[in-house]
Amino acid sequence: MRMRIRSFYIPIILLLAFACKEKVNVDPLEPKDKQSTGEEIVIHEEYSGTEPTTPEETEIYKPVPPVVNPFDPIKKAPSDAIVLFSGDNLDNWISSRDSTAAKWIVNNDGSMTVNNKTGDIQTVQNFGSIQLHLEWKSPAEVQGKGQSRGNSGVFLNGLYEVQVLDNNDNDTYVNGQVGSIYKQHVPLAMASVPTGEWNTYDIVYHAPEFNDAGDKIKSGTVTVLHNGVLIQDNVEIKGTTPYIGWPKNPVHGKGPLRLQDHGDNSRVSYRNIWVREL
């Protein structure tokens, strides 16, 4: 025989159940940034105090940002950019091996191509944080596979590699594919054009910071757009990008921009390289 609980007992049961629960006193009128949530709340101190009542109180007129022509007709780049390669010569580049003149091939179409096994090349000038633009292509004639097809790399500060690779119908480990921060960050997408056509990289790099004791106190970051597609979104550079082993964090200041000769006849070409110092 089933027992029936009369309806007038139900409110009493519910009341007892709620009474057993632990009470948390939160004032609903208290600002959310003052309530205890266990999370760190972002507060902008410049917007504290008495709120302005006129538009003029929140208008700023100085300093005035500099004017930059984004399509300078002479540089073919922003007017404040440093042009590192425009197709004429390799005067801004040296061998990474021995600092002699760069030995890569300058082509009639305004590009340069890796001269196999002559070694990496790097800029004469050193840079810290930069905005970098460059264009690259793998050869139309496909040879090799995996990491041995159209392989090169762009080394920021001479230390941190953004991978260049022909990944079209050519699978490899994803933290070493085109657009990766080599062995550290997998790209958000693979945005390559067909093999043999020109790709663009637009890169924003902020250099790491070190204290007097040689400790890294702020990691570097990098953002990469590949053919206009965001593939690295302000990711943390954890250190150098070695083929074998963990990232290292040697103390450094400004350094060169370095382009890789992979040593396997990858025949990667570059053109239109410029930087803006940040």
Protein backbone atom coordinates (compact mmCIF):
# COMPACT_ATOMS: atom_id res chain seq x y z
CA MET A 1 0.00 0.00 0.00
CA ARG A 2 1.49 3.36 -1.08
CA MET A 3 1.49 6.20 1.39
CA ARG A 4 0.17 9.52 0.24
CA ILE A 5 1.75 12.79 1.33
CA ARG A 6 -0.93 15.32 1.77
CA SER A 7 -0.47 18.49 -0.28
CA PHE A 8 -0.27 20.77 2.77
CA TYR A 9 2.98 19.02 3.86
CA ILE A 10 4.83 19.90 0.65
CA PRO A 11 5.54 23.61 1.43
CA ILE A 12 6.95 22.57 4.83
CA ILE A 13 9.29 19.99 3.20
CA LEU A 14 10.55 22.55 0.70
CA LEU A 15 11.12 25.10 3.46
CA LEU A 16 13.21 22.62 5.43
CA ALA A 17 15.23 21.71 2.36
CA PHE A 18 16.13 25.32 1.65
CA ALA A 19 16.92 25.94 5.30
CA CYS A 20 19.61 23.24 5.16
CA LYS A 21 21.49 24.94 2.35
CA GLU A 22 24.44 27.23 3.12
CA LYS A 23 23.57 30.85 2.60
CA VAL A 24 25.83 33.17 0.57
CA ASN A 25 25.30 36.82 1.30
CA VAL A 26 25.68 38.79 -1.95
CA ASP A 27 24.33 42.28 -2.16
CA PRO A 28 22.65 42.51 -5.60
CA LEU A 29 23.18 46.27 -5.58
CA GLU A 30 26.92 45.98 -5.00
CA PRO A 31 29.05 46.49 -8.17
CA LYS A 32 29.96 43.19 -9.81
CA ASP A 33 33.68 43.97 -9.62
CA LYS A 34 33.34 44.07 -5.82
CA GLN A 35 31.53 40.75 -5.49
CA SER A 36 33.62 37.70 -4.67
CA THR A 37 33.76 35.43 -7.74
CA GLY A 38 37.22 33.93 -7.33
CA GLU A 39 38.29 35.62 -10.58
CA GLU A 40 40.55 38.58 -11.09
CA ILE A 41 38.42 41.50 -12.25
CA VAL A 42 39.74 44.03 -14.77
CA ILE A 43 39.38 47.58 -13.47
CA HIS A 44 40.49 50.63 -15.44
CA GLU A 45 41.51 53.15 -12.80
CA GLU A 46 41.48 56.06 -15.28
CA TYR A 47 37.71 55.67 -15.45
CA SER A 48 37.14 55.76 -11.69
CA GLY A 49 35.98 58.69 -9.65
CA THR A 50 33.41 61.22 -10.77
CA GLU A 51 32.16 60.50 -14.29
CA PRO A 52 32.51 63.38 -16.82
CA THR A 53 29.35 65.22 -17.74
CA THR A 54 30.54 66.94 -20.94
CA PRO A 55 32.08 65.43 -24.12
CA GLU A 56 35.11 67.77 -23.93
CA GLU A 57 36.28 66.09 -20.71
CA THR A 58 37.00 62.82 -22.56
CA GLU A 59 38.58 64.29 -25.72
CA ILE A 60 42.37 64.14 -26.26
CA TYR A 61 44.24 66.23 -28.85
CA LYS A 62 47.93 65.50 -28.14
CA PRO A 63 50.19 63.82 -29.00
CA VAL A 64 49.07 63.71 -32.62
CA PRO A 65 49.93 60.38 -34.36
CA PRO A 66 52.40 60.68 -37.26
CA VAL A 67 51.03 60.56 -40.80
CA VAL A 68 52.00 57.42 -42.74
CA ASN A 69 51.35 57.00 -46.44
CA PRO A 70 50.44 53.31 -46.69
CA PHE A 71 51.28 53.20 -50.42
CA ASP A 72 54.41 55.30 -50.82
CA PRO A 73 55.01 55.41 -54.61
CA ILE A 74 58.80 55.26 -54.27
CA LYS A 75 59.16 52.64 -51.54
CA LYS A 76 56.17 50.55 -52.69
CA ALA A 77 55.59 50.16 -48.97
CA PRO A 78 54.42 52.40 -46.10
CA SER A 79 56.33 55.68 -46.06
CA ASP A 80 57.94 54.95 -42.66
CA ALA A 81 58.96 51.39 -43.59
CA ILE A 82 62.53 50.14 -43.94
CA VAL A 83 62.71 48.31 -47.27
CA LEU A 84 64.92 45.24 -46.92
CA PHE A 85 64.47 43.77 -50.38
CA SER A 86 62.86 45.45 -53.39
CA GLY A 87 64.24 43.18 -56.09
CA ASP A 88 67.43 44.95 -57.15
CA ASN A 89 70.19 43.60 -54.92
CA LEU A 90 71.10 41.93 -51.62
CA ASP A 91 72.89 44.93 -50.13
CA ASN A 92 70.80 44.75 -46.95
CA TRP A 93 71.68 41.08 -46.37
CA ILE A 94 74.73 39.07 -45.30
CA SER A 95 75.56 35.41 -44.80
CA SER A 96 74.54 34.12 -41.37
CA ARG A 97 77.56 31.82 -41.40
CA ASP A 98 80.36 34.31 -41.70
CA SER A 99 78.86 37.79 -42.30
CA THR A 100 80.15 37.88 -45.89
CA ALA A 101 77.96 39.04 -48.78
CA ALA A 102 74.72 37.09 -49.18
CA LYS A 103 75.01 34.44 -51.89
CA TRP A 104 71.35 33.88 -52.76
CA ILE A 105 70.10 34.35 -56.33
CA VAL A 106 68.50 37.64 -57.45
CA ASN A 107 65.99 36.95 -60.24
CA ASN A 108 64.89 39.12 -63.15
CA ASP A 109 61.31 39.26 -61.80
CA GLY A 110 62.35 41.17 -58.67
CA SER A 111 62.55 38.17 -56.36
CA MET A 112 65.39 36.26 -54.75
CA THR A 113 65.73 32.48 -54.41
CA VAL A 114 67.56 30.36 -51.86
CA ASN A 115 70.93 29.31 -53.29
CA ASN A 116 71.00 25.73 -52.05
CA LYS A 117 73.50 24.94 -49.28
CA THR A 118 75.02 28.43 -49.26
CA GLY A 119 73.45 28.97 -45.83
CA ASP A 120 70.92 31.28 -44.23
CA ILE A 121 70.99 35.00 -44.89
CA GLN A 122 70.18 37.77 -42.42
CA THR A 123 69.73 41.51 -42.41
CA VAL A 124 72.66 43.81 -41.83
CA GLN A 125 70.45 45.88 -39.54
CA ASN A 126 69.17 44.60 -36.22
CA PHE A 127 65.59 45.00 -35.05
CA GLY A 128 63.49 44.58 -31.94
CA SER A 129 59.71 44.71 -32.14
CA ILE A 130 58.53 45.04 -35.73
CA GLN A 131 55.72 44.86 -38.22
CA LEU A 132 57.01 42.69 -41.08
CA HIS A 133 55.69 42.17 -44.59
CA LEU A 134 57.14 39.66 -47.02
CA GLU A 135 56.02 37.48 -49.91
CA TRP A 136 57.25 33.97 -50.64
CA LYS A 137 56.57 31.06 -52.95
CA SER A 138 57.59 27.46 -53.28
CA PRO A 139 58.67 26.24 -56.74
CA ALA A 140 55.94 25.19 -59.17
CA GLU A 141 57.85 21.98 -59.85
CA VAL A 142 57.02 19.75 -56.89
CA GLN A 143 59.76 17.59 -55.46
CA GLY A 144 60.26 16.02 -52.07
CA LYS A 145 57.65 15.49 -49.39
CA GLY A 146 56.97 16.37 -45.79
CA GLN A 147 59.52 18.82 -44.43
CA SER A 148 61.62 18.50 -47.60
CA ARG A 149 59.18 20.29 -49.91
CA GLY A 150 59.49 24.06 -50.29
CA ASN A 151 60.94 24.45 -46.79
CA SER A 152 62.36 27.71 -45.48
CA GLY A 153 61.66 29.91 -42.50
CA VAL A 154 61.49 33.48 -41.23
CA PHE A 155 63.45 33.92 -37.98
CA LEU A 156 62.38 36.93 -35.91
CA ASN A 157 65.24 38.40 -33.88
CA GLY A 158 67.27 35.69 -35.61
CA LEU A 159 65.84 33.19 -33.08
CA TYR A 160 62.11 32.54 -33.44
CA GLU A 161 60.90 30.78 -36.60
CA VAL A 162 57.68 31.29 -38.53
CA GLN A 163 57.61 28.24 -40.79
CA VAL A 164 57.60 28.46 -44.58
CA LEU A 165 56.57 25.20 -46.27
CA ASP A 166 54.66 23.82 -49.25
CA ASN A 167 51.86 21.98 -47.42
CA ASN A 168 49.56 21.55 -50.41
CA ASP A 169 48.68 17.83 -50.51
CA ASN A 170 51.69 17.33 -48.27
CA ASP A 171 50.94 16.42 -44.66
CA THR A 172 53.46 16.85 -41.86
CA TYR A 173 53.42 17.40 -38.09
CA VAL A 174 51.03 20.30 -37.52
CA ASN A 175 53.33 22.26 -35.19
CA GLY A 176 55.79 22.32 -38.07
CA GLN A 177 53.41 23.01 -40.93
CA VAL A 178 53.22 26.25 -42.91
CA GLY A 179 52.50 29.23 -40.67
CA SER A 180 53.41 27.47 -37.45
CA ILE A 181 55.61 29.02 -34.81
CA TYR A 182 57.94 26.10 -35.24
CA LYS A 183 57.38 23.32 -32.68
CA GLN A 184 55.37 25.73 -30.46
CA HIS A 185 52.11 26.93 -31.99
CA VAL A 186 49.90 25.20 -34.54
CA PRO A 187 48.36 27.72 -36.98
CA LEU A 188 44.64 28.42 -36.73
CA ALA A 189 44.23 27.61 -40.43
CA MET A 190 46.18 26.54 -43.51
CA ALA A 191 45.72 29.45 -45.92
CA SER A 192 48.26 28.73 -48.67
CA VAL A 193 47.71 29.59 -52.32
CA PRO A 194 48.40 26.92 -54.98
CA THR A 195 51.96 25.64 -55.20
CA GLY A 196 54.16 27.98 -57.23
CA GLU A 197 52.06 31.11 -56.55
CA TRP A 198 52.98 33.97 -54.22
CA ASN A 199 52.00 33.88 -50.55
CA THR A 200 52.09 36.87 -48.20
CA TYR A 201 53.03 36.95 -44.54
CA ASP A 202 52.15 39.99 -42.44
CA ILE A 203 53.68 39.59 -39.00
CA VAL A 204 53.53 41.69 -35.84
CA TYR A 205 56.31 40.74 -33.44
CA HIS A 206 56.89 42.09 -29.93
CA ALA A 207 60.27 41.12 -28.50
CA PRO A 208 60.67 39.53 -25.05
CA GLU A 209 62.12 41.45 -22.13
CA PHE A 210 64.87 40.40 -19.70
CA ASN A 211 66.04 41.76 -16.34
CA ASP A 212 69.61 42.53 -15.31
CA ALA A 213 69.98 39.04 -13.86
CA GLY A 214 69.29 37.49 -17.26
CA ASP A 215 65.80 36.25 -16.44
CA LYS A 216 62.97 36.63 -18.94
CA ILE A 217 60.36 38.88 -17.33
CA LYS A 218 58.04 39.21 -20.32
CA SER A 219 57.54 36.78 -23.18
CA GLY A 220 57.61 37.89 -26.77
CA THR A 221 54.45 37.61 -28.83
CA VAL A 222 53.69 37.17 -32.51
CA THR A 223 50.65 37.63 -34.73
CA VAL A 224 50.67 36.23 -38.27
CA LEU A 225 48.32 36.82 -41.18
CA HIS A 226 48.82 34.41 -44.08
CA ASN A 227 47.33 35.77 -47.28
CA GLY A 228 45.14 38.01 -45.13
CA VAL A 229 43.92 35.15 -42.90
CA LEU A 230 44.73 35.31 -39.18
CA ILE A 231 46.68 32.14 -38.36
CA GLN A 232 48.60 33.15 -35.20
CA ASP A 233 46.71 35.39 -32.79
CA ASN A 234 49.11 37.21 -30.46
CA VAL A 235 50.64 33.92 -29.29
CA GLU A 236 53.34 33.70 -26.64
CA ILE A 237 56.86 32.92 -27.80
CA LYS A 238 58.09 30.39 -25.27
CA GLY A 239 61.71 30.57 -26.39
CA THR A 240 63.83 29.54 -29.35
CA THR A 241 62.38 27.15 -31.91
CA PRO A 242 64.82 24.22 -32.17
CA TYR A 243 64.34 21.10 -34.27
CA ILE A 244 65.33 18.98 -31.27
CA GLY A 245 64.85 19.81 -27.59
CA TRP A 246 63.08 22.42 -25.51
CA PRO A 247 62.89 26.15 -26.26
CA LYS A 248 65.74 28.16 -24.74
CA ASN A 249 65.67 31.77 -23.55
CA PRO A 250 69.06 33.39 -24.11
CA VAL A 251 69.29 37.03 -23.10
CA HIS A 252 69.20 39.25 -26.16
CA GLY A 253 68.38 42.69 -27.41
CA LYS A 254 67.80 43.60 -31.02
CA GLY A 255 68.71 41.02 -33.65
CA PRO A 256 68.58 40.40 -37.39
CA LEU A 257 65.76 39.10 -39.50
CA ARG A 258 66.97 35.73 -40.85
CA LEU A 259 65.77 33.66 -43.81
CA GLN A 260 66.49 29.94 -43.89
CA ASP A 261 68.33 27.79 -46.42
CA HIS A 262 66.95 24.36 -45.52
CA GLY A 263 69.75 22.69 -47.47
CA ASP A 264 67.54 20.29 -49.45
CA ASN A 265 67.10 22.20 -52.72
CA SER A 266 63.73 23.56 -51.59
CA ARG A 267 64.18 26.57 -53.95
CA VAL A 268 61.92 28.95 -52.01
CA SER A 269 61.77 32.53 -53.35
CA TYR A 270 61.10 35.84 -51.58
CA ARG A 271 60.14 39.36 -52.65
CA ASN A 272 58.81 42.68 -51.30
CA ILE A 273 60.29 42.56 -47.81
CA TRP A 274 59.89 45.56 -45.51
CA VAL A 275 59.60 46.27 -41.79
CA ARG A 276 58.22 49.02 -39.59
CA GLU A 277 59.88 49.35 -36.20
CA LEU A 278 57.40 49.38 -33.31
